[in-house]
Amino acid sequence: GEPLPGEPAAREKAPALEKAPPITRKPVG
């Protein structure tokens, strides 16, 4: 969680990509 060399100390954390919900099917048979 430390800044990389040459970066400012208070480096903002990139927002995580939101995963799409899994596709579900209704049970058949």
PDB file of all heavy atoms in Angstrom:
ATOM      1  N   GLY A   1       0.791  -1.212   0.000  1.00  0.00           N
ATOM      2  CA  GLY A   1       0.000   0.000   0.000  1.00  0.00           C
ATOM      3  C   GLY A   1       0.823   1.261   0.000  1.00  0.00           C
ATOM      4  O   GLY A   1       0.313   2.341   0.284  1.00  0.00           O
ATOM      5  N   GLU A   2       2.168   1.138  -0.295  1.00  0.00           N
ATOM      6  CA  GLU A   2       3.037   2.300  -0.312  1.00  0.00           C
ATOM      7  C   GLU A   2       3.131   2.852  -1.722  1.00  0.00           C
ATOM      8  O   GLU A   2       2.956   2.134  -2.697  1.00  0.00           O
ATOM      9  CB  GLU A   2       4.440   1.912   0.187  1.00  0.00           C
ATOM     10  CG  GLU A   2       4.432   1.348   1.618  1.00  0.00           C
ATOM     11  CD  GLU A   2       5.818   0.906   2.020  1.00  0.00           C
ATOM     12  OE1 GLU A   2       6.751   1.088   1.201  1.00  0.00           O
ATOM     13  OE2 GLU A   2       5.978   0.385   3.133  1.00  0.00           O
ATOM     14  N   PRO A   3       3.408   4.121  -1.874  1.00  0.00           N
ATOM     15  CA  PRO A   3       3.562   4.702  -3.215  1.00  0.00           C
ATOM     16  C   PRO A   3       4.800   4.177  -3.894  1.00  0.00           C
ATOM     17  O   PRO A   3       5.796   3.853  -3.242  1.00  0.00           O
ATOM     18  CB  PRO A   3       3.644   6.208  -2.936  1.00  0.00           C
ATOM     19  CG  PRO A   3       4.150   6.300  -1.535  1.00  0.00           C
ATOM     20  CD  PRO A   3       3.578   5.125  -0.797  1.00  0.00           C
ATOM     21  N   LEU A   4       4.742   4.051  -5.197  1.00  0.00           N
ATOM     22  CA  LEU A   4       5.885   3.641  -5.986  1.00  0.00           C
ATOM     23  C   LEU A   4       6.906   4.770  -6.028  1.00  0.00           C
ATOM     24  O   LEU A   4       6.576   5.946  -5.805  1.00  0.00           O
ATOM     25  CB  LEU A   4       5.439   3.270  -7.402  1.00  0.00           C
ATOM     26  CG  LEU A   4       4.500   2.069  -7.501  1.00  0.00           C
ATOM     27  CD1 LEU A   4       4.040   1.899  -8.933  1.00  0.00           C
ATOM     28  CD2 LEU A   4       5.185   0.824  -7.009  1.00  0.00           C
ATOM     29  N   PRO A   5       8.196   4.452  -6.302  1.00  0.00           N
ATOM     30  CA  PRO A   5       9.215   5.517  -6.379  1.00  0.00           C
ATOM     31  C   PRO A   5       8.822   6.562  -7.413  1.00  0.00           C
ATOM     32  O   PRO A   5       8.429   6.250  -8.526  1.00  0.00           O
ATOM     33  CB  PRO A   5      10.477   4.755  -6.799  1.00  0.00           C
ATOM     34  CG  PRO A   5      10.254   3.365  -6.353  1.00  0.00           C
ATOM     35  CD  PRO A   5       8.782   3.127  -6.480  1.00  0.00           C
ATOM     36  N   GLY A   6       8.933   7.802  -7.018  1.00  0.00           N
ATOM     37  CA  GLY A   6       8.624   8.902  -7.920  1.00  0.00           C
ATOM     38  C   GLY A   6       7.179   9.327  -7.879  1.00  0.00           C
ATOM     39  O   GLY A   6       6.789  10.283  -8.531  1.00  0.00           O
ATOM     40  N   GLU A   7       6.321   8.593  -7.108  1.00  0.00           N
ATOM     41  CA  GLU A   7       4.925   8.971  -7.012  1.00  0.00           C
ATOM     42  C   GLU A   7       4.685   9.698  -5.708  1.00  0.00           C
ATOM     43  O   GLU A   7       5.405   9.489  -4.721  1.00  0.00           O
ATOM     44  CB  GLU A   7       4.018   7.735  -7.063  1.00  0.00           C
ATOM     45  CG  GLU A   7       4.042   7.025  -8.398  1.00  0.00           C
ATOM     46  CD  GLU A   7       2.997   5.931  -8.430  1.00  0.00           C
ATOM     47  OE1 GLU A   7       2.364   5.713  -7.385  1.00  0.00           O
ATOM     48  OE2 GLU A   7       2.831   5.325  -9.497  1.00  0.00           O
ATOM     49  N   PRO A   8       3.652  10.537  -5.655  1.00  0.00           N
ATOM     50  CA  PRO A   8       3.352  11.220  -4.400  1.00  0.00           C
ATOM     51  C   PRO A   8       2.915  10.223  -3.336  1.00  0.00           C
ATOM     52  O   PRO A   8       2.414   9.147  -3.634  1.00  0.00           O
ATOM     53  CB  PRO A   8       2.207  12.169  -4.783  1.00  0.00           C
ATOM     54  CG  PRO A   8       1.626  11.596  -6.024  1.00  0.00           C
ATOM     55  CD  PRO A   8       2.770  10.942  -6.739  1.00  0.00           C
ATOM     56  N   ALA A   9       3.130  10.614  -2.082  1.00  0.00           N
ATOM     57  CA  ALA A   9       2.848   9.699  -0.977  1.00  0.00           C
ATOM     58  C   ALA A   9       1.361   9.368  -0.903  1.00  0.00           C
ATOM     59  O   ALA A   9       0.974   8.250  -0.640  1.00  0.00           O
ATOM     60  CB  ALA A   9       3.323  10.312   0.347  1.00  0.00           C
ATOM     61  N   ALA A  10       0.510  10.332  -1.150  1.00  0.00           N
ATOM     62  CA  ALA A  10      -0.934  10.107  -1.062  1.00  0.00           C
ATOM     63  C   ALA A  10      -1.479   9.755  -2.429  1.00  0.00           C
ATOM     64  O   ALA A  10      -2.206  10.512  -3.054  1.00  0.00           O
ATOM     65  CB  ALA A  10      -1.626  11.351  -0.513  1.00  0.00           C
ATOM     66  N   ARG A  11      -1.077   8.586  -2.937  1.00  0.00           N
ATOM     67  CA  ARG A  11      -1.543   8.163  -4.257  1.00  0.00           C
ATOM     68  C   ARG A  11      -2.961   7.609  -4.130  1.00  0.00           C
ATOM     69  O   ARG A  11      -3.233   6.751  -3.304  1.00  0.00           O
ATOM     70  CB  ARG A  11      -0.614   7.073  -4.804  1.00  0.00           C
ATOM     71  CG  ARG A  11      -1.011   6.547  -6.164  1.00  0.00           C
ATOM     72  CD  ARG A  11       0.152   5.789  -6.774  1.00  0.00           C
ATOM     73  NE  ARG A  11       0.582   4.709  -5.908  1.00  0.00           N
ATOM     74  CZ  ARG A  11       0.150   3.454  -6.024  1.00  0.00           C
ATOM     75  NH1 ARG A  11      -0.725   3.153  -6.935  1.00  0.00           N
ATOM     76  NH2 ARG A  11       0.602   2.513  -5.214  1.00  0.00           N
ATOM     77  N   GLU A  12      -3.852   8.106  -4.984  1.00  0.00           N
ATOM     78  CA  GLU A  12      -5.233   7.662  -4.933  1.00  0.00           C
ATOM     79  C   GLU A  12      -5.346   6.259  -5.505  1.00  0.00           C
ATOM     80  O   GLU A  12      -4.726   5.916  -6.494  1.00  0.00           O
ATOM     81  CB  GLU A  12      -6.130   8.613  -5.727  1.00  0.00           C
ATOM     82  CG  GLU A  12      -6.199  10.000  -5.120  1.00  0.00           C
ATOM     83  CD  GLU A  12      -7.167  10.863  -5.882  1.00  0.00           C
ATOM     84  OE1 GLU A  12      -7.740  10.360  -6.877  1.00  0.00           O
ATOM     85  OE2 GLU A  12      -7.354  12.024  -5.485  1.00  0.00           O
ATOM     86  N   LYS A  13      -6.168   5.458  -4.866  1.00  0.00           N
ATOM     87  CA  LYS A  13      -6.376   4.077  -5.289  1.00  0.00           C
ATOM     88  C   LYS A  13      -7.382   4.047  -6.433  1.00  0.00           C
ATOM     89  O   LYS A  13      -8.437   4.652  -6.357  1.00  0.00           O
ATOM     90  CB  LYS A  13      -6.899   3.263  -4.109  1.00  0.00           C
ATOM     91  CG  LYS A  13      -6.785   1.758  -4.324  1.00  0.00           C
ATOM     92  CD  LYS A  13      -7.146   1.045  -3.052  1.00  0.00           C
ATOM     93  CE  LYS A  13      -6.959  -0.453  -3.207  1.00  0.00           C
ATOM     94  NZ  LYS A  13      -7.302  -1.187  -1.982  1.00  0.00           N
ATOM     95  N   ALA A  14      -7.038   3.325  -7.520  1.00  0.00           N
ATOM     96  CA  ALA A  14      -7.921   3.257  -8.681  1.00  0.00           C
ATOM     97  C   ALA A  14      -9.178   2.479  -8.321  1.00  0.00           C
ATOM     98  O   ALA A  14      -9.116   1.479  -7.611  1.00  0.00           O
ATOM     99  CB  ALA A  14      -7.217   2.580  -9.854  1.00  0.00           C
ATOM    100  N   PRO A  15     -10.323   2.912  -8.779  1.00  0.00           N
ATOM    101  CA  PRO A  15     -11.561   2.179  -8.454  1.00  0.00           C
ATOM    102  C   PRO A  15     -11.576   0.814  -9.105  1.00  0.00           C
ATOM    103  O   PRO A  15     -11.160   0.647 -10.242  1.00  0.00           O
ATOM    104  CB  PRO A  15     -12.660   3.094  -9.023  1.00  0.00           C
ATOM    105  CG  PRO A  15     -11.977   3.884 -10.095  1.00  0.00           C
ATOM    106  CD  PRO A  15     -10.562   4.074  -9.628  1.00  0.00           C
ATOM    107  N   ALA A  16     -12.051  -0.197  -8.359  1.00  0.00           N
ATOM    108  CA  ALA A  16     -12.095  -1.567  -8.887  1.00  0.00           C
ATOM    109  C   ALA A  16     -13.229  -1.688  -9.895  1.00  0.00           C
ATOM    110  O   ALA A  16     -14.277  -1.067  -9.762  1.00  0.00           O
ATOM    111  CB  ALA A  16     -12.302  -2.560  -7.744  1.00  0.00           C
ATOM    112  N   LEU A  17     -12.998  -2.523 -10.940  1.00  0.00           N
ATOM    113  CA  LEU A  17     -14.023  -2.745 -11.951  1.00  0.00           C
ATOM    114  C   LEU A  17     -15.145  -3.576 -11.361  1.00  0.00           C
ATOM    115  O   LEU A  17     -14.906  -4.583 -10.693  1.00  0.00           O
ATOM    116  CB  LEU A  17     -13.421  -3.452 -13.167  1.00  0.00           C
ATOM    117  CG  LEU A  17     -12.385  -2.649 -13.950  1.00  0.00           C
ATOM    118  CD1 LEU A  17     -11.822  -3.499 -15.075  1.00  0.00           C
ATOM    119  CD2 LEU A  17     -12.987  -1.374 -14.509  1.00  0.00           C
ATOM    120  N   GLU A  18     -16.336  -3.190 -11.608  1.00  0.00           N
ATOM    121  CA  GLU A  18     -17.494  -3.911 -11.084  1.00  0.00           C
ATOM    122  C   GLU A  18     -17.849  -5.055 -12.012  1.00  0.00           C
ATOM    123  O   GLU A  18     -18.083  -4.857 -13.194  1.00  0.00           O
ATOM    124  CB  GLU A  18     -18.680  -2.957 -10.963  1.00  0.00           C
ATOM    125  CG  GLU A  18     -19.900  -3.611 -10.312  1.00  0.00           C
ATOM    126  CD  GLU A  18     -21.029  -2.628 -10.146  1.00  0.00           C
ATOM    127  OE1 GLU A  18     -20.786  -1.417 -10.389  1.00  0.00           O
ATOM    128  OE2 GLU A  18     -22.134  -3.058  -9.779  1.00  0.00           O
ATOM    129  N   LYS A  19     -17.844  -6.267 -11.459  1.00  0.00           N
ATOM    130  CA  LYS A  19     -18.130  -7.451 -12.264  1.00  0.00           C
ATOM    131  C   LYS A  19     -19.634  -7.572 -12.505  1.00  0.00           C
ATOM    132  O   LYS A  19     -20.449  -7.262 -11.635  1.00  0.00           O
ATOM    133  CB  LYS A  19     -17.623  -8.716 -11.566  1.00  0.00           C
ATOM    134  CG  LYS A  19     -16.102  -8.760 -11.430  1.00  0.00           C
ATOM    135  CD  LYS A  19     -15.668 -10.057 -10.789  1.00  0.00           C
ATOM    136  CE  LYS A  19     -14.163 -10.135 -10.671  1.00  0.00           C
ATOM    137  NZ  LYS A  19     -13.725 -11.389 -10.044  1.00  0.00           N
ATOM    138  N   ALA A  20     -19.955  -8.045 -13.706  1.00  0.00           N
ATOM    139  CA  ALA A  20     -21.362  -8.261 -14.022  1.00  0.00           C
ATOM    140  C   ALA A  20     -21.867  -9.473 -13.265  1.00  0.00           C
ATOM    141  O   ALA A  20     -21.132 -10.425 -13.033  1.00  0.00           O
ATOM    142  CB  ALA A  20     -21.546  -8.463 -15.525  1.00  0.00           C
ATOM    143  N   PRO A  21     -23.102  -9.471 -12.815  1.00  0.00           N
ATOM    144  CA  PRO A  21     -23.631 -10.625 -12.089  1.00  0.00           C
ATOM    145  C   PRO A  21     -23.687 -11.842 -12.995  1.00  0.00           C
ATOM    146  O   PRO A  21     -23.886 -11.727 -14.196  1.00  0.00           O
ATOM    147  CB  PRO A  21     -25.041 -10.169 -11.681  1.00  0.00           C
ATOM    148  CG  PRO A  21     -25.382  -9.093 -12.654  1.00  0.00           C
ATOM    149  CD  PRO A  21     -24.083  -8.418 -12.997  1.00  0.00           C
ATOM    150  N   PRO A  22     -23.435 -13.044 -12.448  1.00  0.00           N
ATOM    151  CA  PRO A  22     -23.473 -14.248 -13.285  1.00  0.00           C
ATOM    152  C   PRO A  22     -24.854 -14.500 -13.840  1.00  0.00           C
ATOM    153  O   PRO A  22     -25.869 -14.179 -13.223  1.00  0.00           O
ATOM    154  CB  PRO A  22     -23.050 -15.363 -12.305  1.00  0.00           C
ATOM    155  CG  PRO A  22     -23.394 -14.824 -10.949  1.00  0.00           C
ATOM    156  CD  PRO A  22     -23.196 -13.339 -11.037  1.00  0.00           C
ATOM    157  N   ILE A  23     -24.861 -15.075 -15.047  1.00  0.00           N
ATOM    158  CA  ILE A  23     -26.124 -15.402 -15.692  1.00  0.00           C
ATOM    159  C   ILE A  23     -26.621 -16.725 -15.149  1.00  0.00           C
ATOM    160  O   ILE A  23     -25.898 -17.717 -15.141  1.00  0.00           O
ATOM    161  CB  ILE A  23     -25.956 -15.477 -17.218  1.00  0.00           C
ATOM    162  CG1 ILE A  23     -25.491 -14.116 -17.748  1.00  0.00           C
ATOM    163  CG2 ILE A  23     -27.242 -15.904 -17.897  1.00  0.00           C
ATOM    164  CD1 ILE A  23     -25.175 -14.116 -19.216  1.00  0.00           C
ATOM    165  N   THR A  24     -27.807 -16.737 -14.655  1.00  0.00           N
ATOM    166  CA  THR A  24     -28.384 -17.956 -14.101  1.00  0.00           C
ATOM    167  C   THR A  24     -29.604 -18.356 -14.913  1.00  0.00           C
ATOM    168  O   THR A  24     -30.297 -17.525 -15.478  1.00  0.00           O
ATOM    169  CB  THR A  24     -28.792 -17.738 -12.628  1.00  0.00           C
ATOM    170  OG1 THR A  24     -29.737 -16.654 -12.569  1.00  0.00           O
ATOM    171  CG2 THR A  24     -27.585 -17.397 -11.768  1.00  0.00           C
ATOM    172  N   ARG A  25     -29.823 -19.641 -14.951  1.00  0.00           N
ATOM    173  CA  ARG A  25     -30.976 -20.178 -15.661  1.00  0.00           C
ATOM    174  C   ARG A  25     -31.858 -20.908 -14.668  1.00  0.00           C
ATOM    175  O   ARG A  25     -31.397 -21.480 -13.696  1.00  0.00           O
ATOM    176  CB  ARG A  25     -30.538 -21.157 -16.760  1.00  0.00           C
ATOM    177  CG  ARG A  25     -29.655 -20.528 -17.807  1.00  0.00           C
ATOM    178  CD  ARG A  25     -29.386 -21.535 -18.909  1.00  0.00           C
ATOM    179  NE  ARG A  25     -30.599 -21.902 -19.577  1.00  0.00           N
ATOM    180  CZ  ARG A  25     -31.086 -21.237 -20.636  1.00  0.00           C
ATOM    181  NH1 ARG A  25     -30.470 -20.183 -21.101  1.00  0.00           N
ATOM    182  NH2 ARG A  25     -32.191 -21.626 -21.216  1.00  0.00           N
ATOM    183  N   LYS A  26     -33.137 -20.900 -14.926  1.00  0.00           N
ATOM    184  CA  LYS A  26     -34.050 -21.632 -14.083  1.00  0.00           C
ATOM    185  C   LYS A  26     -33.870 -23.127 -14.316  1.00  0.00           C
ATOM    186  O   LYS A  26     -33.618 -23.563 -15.429  1.00  0.00           O
ATOM    187  CB  LYS A  26     -35.503 -21.231 -14.386  1.00  0.00           C
ATOM    188  CG  LYS A  26     -35.802 -19.771 -14.062  1.00  0.00           C
ATOM    189  CD  LYS A  26     -37.235 -19.435 -14.395  1.00  0.00           C
ATOM    190  CE  LYS A  26     -37.536 -17.971 -14.093  1.00  0.00           C
ATOM    191  NZ  LYS A  26     -38.932 -17.613 -14.434  1.00  0.00           N
ATOM    192  N   PRO A  27     -33.985 -23.934 -13.271  1.00  0.00           N
ATOM    193  CA  PRO A  27     -33.799 -25.374 -13.447  1.00  0.00           C
ATOM    194  C   PRO A  27     -34.904 -25.968 -14.291  1.00  0.00           C
ATOM    195  O   PRO A  27     -36.066 -25.597 -14.172  1.00  0.00           O
ATOM    196  CB  PRO A  27     -33.850 -25.907 -12.010  1.00  0.00           C
ATOM    197  CG  PRO A  27     -34.642 -24.881 -11.260  1.00  0.00           C
ATOM    198  CD  PRO A  27     -34.311 -23.568 -11.908  1.00  0.00           C
ATOM    199  N   VAL A  28     -34.517 -26.883 -15.169  1.00  0.00           N
ATOM    200  CA  VAL A  28     -35.486 -27.596 -15.990  1.00  0.00           C
ATOM    201  C   VAL A  28     -35.256 -29.074 -15.813  1.00  0.00           C
ATOM    202  O   VAL A  28     -34.146 -29.511 -15.541  1.00  0.00           O
ATOM    203  CB  VAL A  28     -35.356 -27.210 -17.478  1.00  0.00           C
ATOM    204  CG1 VAL A  28     -35.704 -25.753 -17.681  1.00  0.00           C
ATOM    205  CG2 VAL A  28     -33.960 -27.493 -18.007  1.00  0.00           C
ATOM    206  N   GLY A  29     -36.325 -29.856 -15.995  1.00  0.00           N
ATOM    207  CA  GLY A  29     -36.211 -31.289 -15.836  1.00  0.00           C
ATOM    208  C   GLY A  29     -35.945 -31.640 -14.387  1.00  0.00           C
ATOM    209  O   GLY A  29     -36.009 -30.821 -13.488  1.00  0.00           O
TER     210      GLY A  29
END
